[in-house]
Amino acid sequence: MERQGITYLIEQLIRQKLSKEEFDELLASLHYPAMRQAYSDILEAYFTELLNQHEYQPEPGKQPE
């Protein structure tokens, strides 16, 4: 599977729009170390982006410094 397909499956999973067939495809691909690494890399980038977004947003009720 190409990285584009892996990215699509992860995006669908995060959005809770993954079909049963896509979920089965994702699970089947986890048997391969290279695929697991690709999923890991994509998820790490996603969570890093979430952390970065959160870092730059002021907390509710707190004045920006």
PDB file of N, CA and C in Angstrom:
ATOM      1  N   MET A   1       0.846  -1.176   0.000  1.00  0.00           N
ATOM      2  CA  MET A   1       0.000   0.000   0.000  1.00  0.00           C
ATOM      3  C   MET A   1       0.890   1.236   0.000  1.00  0.00           C
ATOM      4  N   GLU A   2       0.499   2.206  -0.753  1.00  0.00           N
ATOM      5  CA  GLU A   2       1.259   3.445  -0.830  1.00  0.00           C
ATOM      6  C   GLU A   2       0.964   4.314   0.396  1.00  0.00           C
ATOM      7  N   ARG A   3       1.879   5.225   0.664  1.00  0.00           N
ATOM      8  CA  ARG A   3       1.723   6.117   1.818  1.00  0.00           C
ATOM      9  C   ARG A   3       0.436   6.936   1.713  1.00  0.00           C
ATOM     10  N   GLN A   4       0.052   7.296   0.507  1.00  0.00           N
ATOM     11  CA  GLN A   4      -1.178   8.061   0.311  1.00  0.00           C
ATOM     12  C   GLN A   4      -2.385   7.264   0.818  1.00  0.00           C
ATOM     13  N   GLY A   5      -2.397   5.961   0.547  1.00  0.00           N
ATOM     14  CA  GLY A   5      -3.485   5.105   1.025  1.00  0.00           C
ATOM     15  C   GLY A   5      -3.475   4.963   2.535  1.00  0.00           C
ATOM     16  N   ILE A   6      -2.289   4.877   3.107  1.00  0.00           N
ATOM     17  CA  ILE A   6      -2.156   4.787   4.555  1.00  0.00           C
ATOM     18  C   ILE A   6      -2.672   6.075   5.203  1.00  0.00           C
ATOM     19  N   THR A   7      -2.278   7.201   4.644  1.00  0.00           N
ATOM     20  CA  THR A   7      -2.721   8.493   5.168  1.00  0.00           C
ATOM     21  C   THR A   7      -4.242   8.593   5.103  1.00  0.00           C
ATOM     22  N   TYR A   8      -4.817   8.148   4.002  1.00  0.00           N
ATOM     23  CA  TYR A   8      -6.274   8.175   3.844  1.00  0.00           C
ATOM     24  C   TYR A   8      -6.946   7.350   4.947  1.00  0.00           C
ATOM     25  N   LEU A   9      -6.445   6.134   5.185  1.00  0.00           N
ATOM     26  CA  LEU A   9      -7.053   5.277   6.199  1.00  0.00           C
ATOM     27  C   LEU A   9      -6.963   5.910   7.587  1.00  0.00           C
ATOM     28  N   ILE A  10      -5.830   6.499   7.903  1.00  0.00           N
ATOM     29  CA  ILE A  10      -5.672   7.157   9.205  1.00  0.00           C
ATOM     30  C   ILE A  10      -6.624   8.347   9.321  1.00  0.00           C
ATOM     31  N   GLU A  11      -6.731   9.137   8.264  1.00  0.00           N
ATOM     32  CA  GLU A  11      -7.645  10.288   8.289  1.00  0.00           C
ATOM     33  C   GLU A  11      -9.089   9.827   8.497  1.00  0.00           C
ATOM     34  N   GLN A  12      -9.468   8.766   7.819  1.00  0.00           N
ATOM     35  CA  GLN A  12     -10.820   8.229   7.981  1.00  0.00           C
ATOM     36  C   GLN A  12     -11.025   7.717   9.410  1.00  0.00           C
ATOM     37  N   LEU A  13     -10.027   7.065   9.960  1.00  0.00           N
ATOM     38  CA  LEU A  13     -10.101   6.553  11.331  1.00  0.00           C
ATOM     39  C   LEU A  13     -10.276   7.707  12.320  1.00  0.00           C
ATOM     40  N   ILE A  14      -9.477   8.744  12.179  1.00  0.00           N
ATOM     41  CA  ILE A  14      -9.541   9.893  13.084  1.00  0.00           C
ATOM     42  C   ILE A  14     -10.903  10.587  12.989  1.00  0.00           C
ATOM     43  N   ARG A  15     -11.436  10.669  11.787  1.00  0.00           N
ATOM     44  CA  ARG A  15     -12.738  11.320  11.572  1.00  0.00           C
ATOM     45  C   ARG A  15     -13.923  10.406  11.899  1.00  0.00           C
ATOM     46  N   GLN A  16     -13.618   9.178  12.291  1.00  0.00           N
ATOM     47  CA  GLN A  16     -14.630   8.162  12.584  1.00  0.00           C
ATOM     48  C   GLN A  16     -15.520   7.902  11.372  1.00  0.00           C
ATOM     49  N   LYS A  17     -14.905   7.858  10.199  1.00  0.00           N
ATOM     50  CA  LYS A  17     -15.622   7.616   8.947  1.00  0.00           C
ATOM     51  C   LYS A  17     -15.089   6.371   8.232  1.00  0.00           C
ATOM     52  N   LEU A  18     -14.334   5.554   8.938  1.00  0.00           N
ATOM     53  CA  LEU A  18     -13.718   4.366   8.363  1.00  0.00           C
ATOM     54  C   LEU A  18     -14.781   3.289   8.131  1.00  0.00           C
ATOM     55  N   SER A  19     -14.882   2.809   6.900  1.00  0.00           N
ATOM     56  CA  SER A  19     -15.837   1.741   6.607  1.00  0.00           C
ATOM     57  C   SER A  19     -15.295   0.415   7.146  1.00  0.00           C
ATOM     58  N   LYS A  20     -16.144  -0.588   7.204  1.00  0.00           N
ATOM     59  CA  LYS A  20     -15.703  -1.895   7.682  1.00  0.00           C
ATOM     60  C   LYS A  20     -14.602  -2.448   6.786  1.00  0.00           C
ATOM     61  N   GLU A  21     -14.741  -2.281   5.484  1.00  0.00           N
ATOM     62  CA  GLU A  21     -13.727  -2.769   4.552  1.00  0.00           C
ATOM     63  C   GLU A  21     -12.390  -2.051   4.761  1.00  0.00           C
ATOM     64  N   GLU A  22     -12.457  -0.730   4.969  1.00  0.00           N
ATOM     65  CA  GLU A  22     -11.236   0.039   5.214  1.00  0.00           C
ATOM     66  C   GLU A  22     -10.604  -0.360   6.540  1.00  0.00           C
ATOM     67  N   PHE A  23     -11.444  -0.596   7.554  1.00  0.00           N
ATOM     68  CA  PHE A  23     -10.934  -1.031   8.850  1.00  0.00           C
ATOM     69  C   PHE A  23     -10.249  -2.391   8.726  1.00  0.00           C
ATOM     70  N   ASP A  24     -10.859  -3.297   7.987  1.00  0.00           N
ATOM     71  CA  ASP A  24     -10.252  -4.603   7.755  1.00  0.00           C
ATOM     72  C   ASP A  24      -8.907  -4.466   7.044  1.00  0.00           C
ATOM     73  N   GLU A  25      -8.836  -3.565   6.077  1.00  0.00           N
ATOM     74  CA  GLU A  25      -7.595  -3.315   5.346  1.00  0.00           C
ATOM     75  C   GLU A  25      -6.514  -2.774   6.284  1.00  0.00           C
ATOM     76  N   LEU A  26      -6.910  -1.843   7.142  1.00  0.00           N
ATOM     77  CA  LEU A  26      -5.969  -1.276   8.106  1.00  0.00           C
ATOM     78  C   LEU A  26      -5.442  -2.379   9.033  1.00  0.00           C
ATOM     79  N   LEU A  27      -6.331  -3.181   9.585  1.00  0.00           N
ATOM     80  CA  LEU A  27      -5.913  -4.247  10.488  1.00  0.00           C
ATOM     81  C   LEU A  27      -5.014  -5.262   9.792  1.00  0.00           C
ATOM     82  N   ALA A  28      -5.345  -5.638   8.575  1.00  0.00           N
ATOM     83  CA  ALA A  28      -4.539  -6.607   7.838  1.00  0.00           C
ATOM     84  C   ALA A  28      -3.135  -6.073   7.578  1.00  0.00           C
ATOM     85  N   SER A  29      -3.037  -4.784   7.312  1.00  0.00           N
ATOM     86  CA  SER A  29      -1.727  -4.208   7.008  1.00  0.00           C
ATOM     87  C   SER A  29      -0.823  -4.126   8.228  1.00  0.00           C
ATOM     88  N   LEU A  30      -1.399  -4.208   9.422  1.00  0.00           N
ATOM     89  CA  LEU A  30      -0.590  -4.128  10.645  1.00  0.00           C
ATOM     90  C   LEU A  30       0.283  -5.366  10.862  1.00  0.00           C
ATOM     91  N   HIS A  31       0.099  -6.386  10.042  1.00  0.00           N
ATOM     92  CA  HIS A  31       0.941  -7.589  10.135  1.00  0.00           C
ATOM     93  C   HIS A  31       2.336  -7.350   9.571  1.00  0.00           C
ATOM     94  N   TYR A  32       2.521  -6.250   8.875  1.00  0.00           N
ATOM     95  CA  TYR A  32       3.799  -5.950   8.214  1.00  0.00           C
ATOM     96  C   TYR A  32       4.529  -4.826   8.949  1.00  0.00           C
ATOM     97  N   PRO A  33       5.759  -5.096   9.401  1.00  0.00           N
ATOM     98  CA  PRO A  33       6.511  -4.077  10.154  1.00  0.00           C
ATOM     99  C   PRO A  33       6.636  -2.736   9.423  1.00  0.00           C
ATOM    100  N   ALA A  34       6.850  -2.754   8.125  1.00  0.00           N
ATOM    101  CA  ALA A  34       6.984  -1.499   7.383  1.00  0.00           C
ATOM    102  C   ALA A  34       5.685  -0.700   7.419  1.00  0.00           C
ATOM    103  N   MET A  35       4.566  -1.397   7.369  1.00  0.00           N
ATOM    104  CA  MET A  35       3.268  -0.717   7.426  1.00  0.00           C
ATOM    105  C   MET A  35       3.032  -0.143   8.817  1.00  0.00           C
ATOM    106  N   ARG A  36       3.378  -0.910   9.846  1.00  0.00           N
ATOM    107  CA  ARG A  36       3.227  -0.400  11.214  1.00  0.00           C
ATOM    108  C   ARG A  36       4.043   0.870  11.394  1.00  0.00           C
ATOM    109  N   GLN A  37       5.263   0.873  10.850  1.00  0.00           N
ATOM    110  CA  GLN A  37       6.119   2.054  10.968  1.00  0.00           C
ATOM    111  C   GLN A  37       5.501   3.245  10.244  1.00  0.00           C
ATOM    112  N   ALA A  38       4.936   3.004   9.073  1.00  0.00           N
ATOM    113  CA  ALA A  38       4.300   4.090   8.315  1.00  0.00           C
ATOM    114  C   ALA A  38       3.124   4.664   9.100  1.00  0.00           C
ATOM    115  N   TYR A  39       2.279   3.792   9.671  1.00  0.00           N
ATOM    116  CA  TYR A  39       1.162   4.268  10.492  1.00  0.00           C
ATOM    117  C   TYR A  39       1.690   5.055  11.685  1.00  0.00           C
ATOM    118  N   SER A  40       2.724   4.546  12.321  1.00  0.00           N
ATOM    119  CA  SER A  40       3.313   5.217  13.476  1.00  0.00           C
ATOM    120  C   SER A  40       3.811   6.615  13.110  1.00  0.00           C
ATOM    121  N   ASP A  41       4.500   6.721  11.990  1.00  0.00           N
ATOM    122  CA  ASP A  41       5.028   8.018  11.546  1.00  0.00           C
ATOM    123  C   ASP A  41       3.901   9.019  11.295  1.00  0.00           C
ATOM    124  N   ILE A  42       2.856   8.568  10.636  1.00  0.00           N
ATOM    125  CA  ILE A  42       1.730   9.449  10.313  1.00  0.00           C
ATOM    126  C   ILE A  42       1.017   9.889  11.588  1.00  0.00           C
ATOM    127  N   LEU A  43       0.786   8.943  12.502  1.00  0.00           N
ATOM    128  CA  LEU A  43       0.107   9.291  13.755  1.00  0.00           C
ATOM    129  C   LEU A  43       0.957  10.213  14.622  1.00  0.00           C
ATOM    130  N   GLU A  44       2.262   9.984  14.640  1.00  0.00           N
ATOM    131  CA  GLU A  44       3.150  10.856  15.403  1.00  0.00           C
ATOM    132  C   GLU A  44       3.086  12.289  14.863  1.00  0.00           C
ATOM    133  N   ALA A  45       3.106  12.433  13.552  1.00  0.00           N
ATOM    134  CA  ALA A  45       3.012  13.765  12.948  1.00  0.00           C
ATOM    135  C   ALA A  45       1.665  14.413  13.283  1.00  0.00           C
ATOM    136  N   TYR A  46       0.608  13.632  13.258  1.00  0.00           N
ATOM    137  CA  TYR A  46      -0.725  14.143  13.582  1.00  0.00           C
ATOM    138  C   TYR A  46      -0.781  14.646  15.030  1.00  0.00           C
ATOM    139  N   PHE A  47      -0.292  13.836  15.965  1.00  0.00           N
ATOM    140  CA  PHE A  47      -0.344  14.228  17.369  1.00  0.00           C
ATOM    141  C   PHE A  47       0.599  15.394  17.664  1.00  0.00           C
ATOM    142  N   THR A  48       1.718  15.447  16.994  1.00  0.00           N
ATOM    143  CA  THR A  48       2.619  16.594  17.155  1.00  0.00           C
ATOM    144  C   THR A  48       1.928  17.870  16.702  1.00  0.00           C
ATOM    145  N   GLU A  49       1.218  17.797  15.596  1.00  0.00           N
ATOM    146  CA  GLU A  49       0.474  18.957  15.106  1.00  0.00           C
ATOM    147  C   GLU A  49      -0.608  19.373  16.107  1.00  0.00           C
ATOM    148  N   LEU A  50      -1.303  18.401  16.688  1.00  0.00           N
ATOM    149  CA  LEU A  50      -2.308  18.730  17.702  1.00  0.00           C
ATOM    150  C   LEU A  50      -1.677  19.423  18.902  1.00  0.00           C
ATOM    151  N   LEU A  51      -0.538  18.916  19.348  1.00  0.00           N
ATOM    152  CA  LEU A  51       0.159  19.533  20.477  1.00  0.00           C
ATOM    153  C   LEU A  51       0.603  20.948  20.143  1.00  0.00           C
ATOM    154  N   ASN A  52       1.113  21.137  18.947  1.00  0.00           N
ATOM    155  CA  ASN A  52       1.543  22.471  18.528  1.00  0.00           C
ATOM    156  C   ASN A  52       0.364  23.442  18.471  1.00  0.00           C
ATOM    157  N   GLN A  53      -0.756  22.987  17.982  1.00  0.00           N
ATOM    158  CA  GLN A  53      -1.946  23.837  17.931  1.00  0.00           C
ATOM    159  C   GLN A  53      -2.395  24.212  19.337  1.00  0.00           C
ATOM    160  N   HIS A  54      -2.379  23.254  20.228  1.00  0.00           N
ATOM    161  CA  HIS A  54      -2.804  23.493  21.604  1.00  0.00           C
ATOM    162  C   HIS A  54      -1.841  24.429  22.322  1.00  0.00           C
ATOM    163  N   GLU A  55      -0.570  24.289  22.043  1.00  0.00           N
ATOM    164  CA  GLU A  55       0.463  25.097  22.688  1.00  0.00           C
ATOM    165  C   GLU A  55       0.276  26.582  22.419  1.00  0.00           C
ATOM    166  N   TYR A  56      -0.192  26.930  21.242  1.00  0.00           N
ATOM    167  CA  TYR A  56      -0.317  28.328  20.845  1.00  0.00           C
ATOM    168  C   TYR A  56      -1.703  28.911  21.100  1.00  0.00           C
ATOM    169  N   GLN A  57      -2.591  28.138  21.694  1.00  0.00           N
ATOM    170  CA  GLN A  57      -3.913  28.651  22.012  1.00  0.00           C
ATOM    171  C   GLN A  57      -3.955  29.014  23.490  1.00  0.00           C
ATOM    172  N   PRO A  58      -4.398  30.233  23.805  1.00  0.00           N
ATOM    173  CA  PRO A  58      -4.468  30.609  25.223  1.00  0.00           C
ATOM    174  C   PRO A  58      -5.524  29.791  25.947  1.00  0.00           C
ATOM    175  N   GLU A  59      -5.274  29.536  27.220  1.00  0.00           N
ATOM    176  CA  GLU A  59      -6.252  28.823  28.030  1.00  0.00           C
ATOM    177  C   GLU A  59      -7.456  29.723  28.256  1.00  0.00           C
ATOM    178  N   PRO A  60      -8.656  29.133  28.321  1.00  0.00           N
ATOM    179  CA  PRO A  60      -9.856  29.948  28.558  1.00  0.00           C
ATOM    180  C   PRO A  60      -9.724  30.705  29.884  1.00  0.00           C
ATOM    181  N   GLY A  61     -10.046  31.983  29.857  1.00  0.00           N
ATOM    182  CA  GLY A  61     -10.003  32.798  31.056  1.00  0.00           C
ATOM    183  C   GLY A  61      -8.622  33.291  31.444  1.00  0.00           C
ATOM    184  N   LYS A  62      -7.614  32.966  30.662  1.00  0.00           N
ATOM    185  CA  LYS A  62      -6.251  33.389  30.971  1.00  0.00           C
ATOM    186  C   LYS A  62      -5.824  34.444  29.963  1.00  0.00           C
ATOM    187  N   GLN A  63      -5.243  35.522  30.462  1.00  0.00           N
ATOM    188  CA  GLN A  63      -4.780  36.600  29.603  1.00  0.00           C
ATOM    189  C   GLN A  63      -3.483  36.203  28.907  1.00  0.00           C
ATOM    190  N   PRO A  64      -3.356  36.432  27.594  1.00  0.00           N
ATOM    191  CA  PRO A  64      -2.087  36.141  26.915  1.00  0.00           C
ATOM    192  C   PRO A  64      -0.977  37.024  27.461  1.00  0.00           C
ATOM    193  N   GLU A  65       0.210  36.472  27.530  1.00  0.00           N
ATOM    194  CA  GLU A  65       1.366  37.208  28.063  1.00  0.00           C
ATOM    195  C   GLU A  65       2.046  38.025  27.006  1.00  0.00           C
TER     196      GLU A  65
END
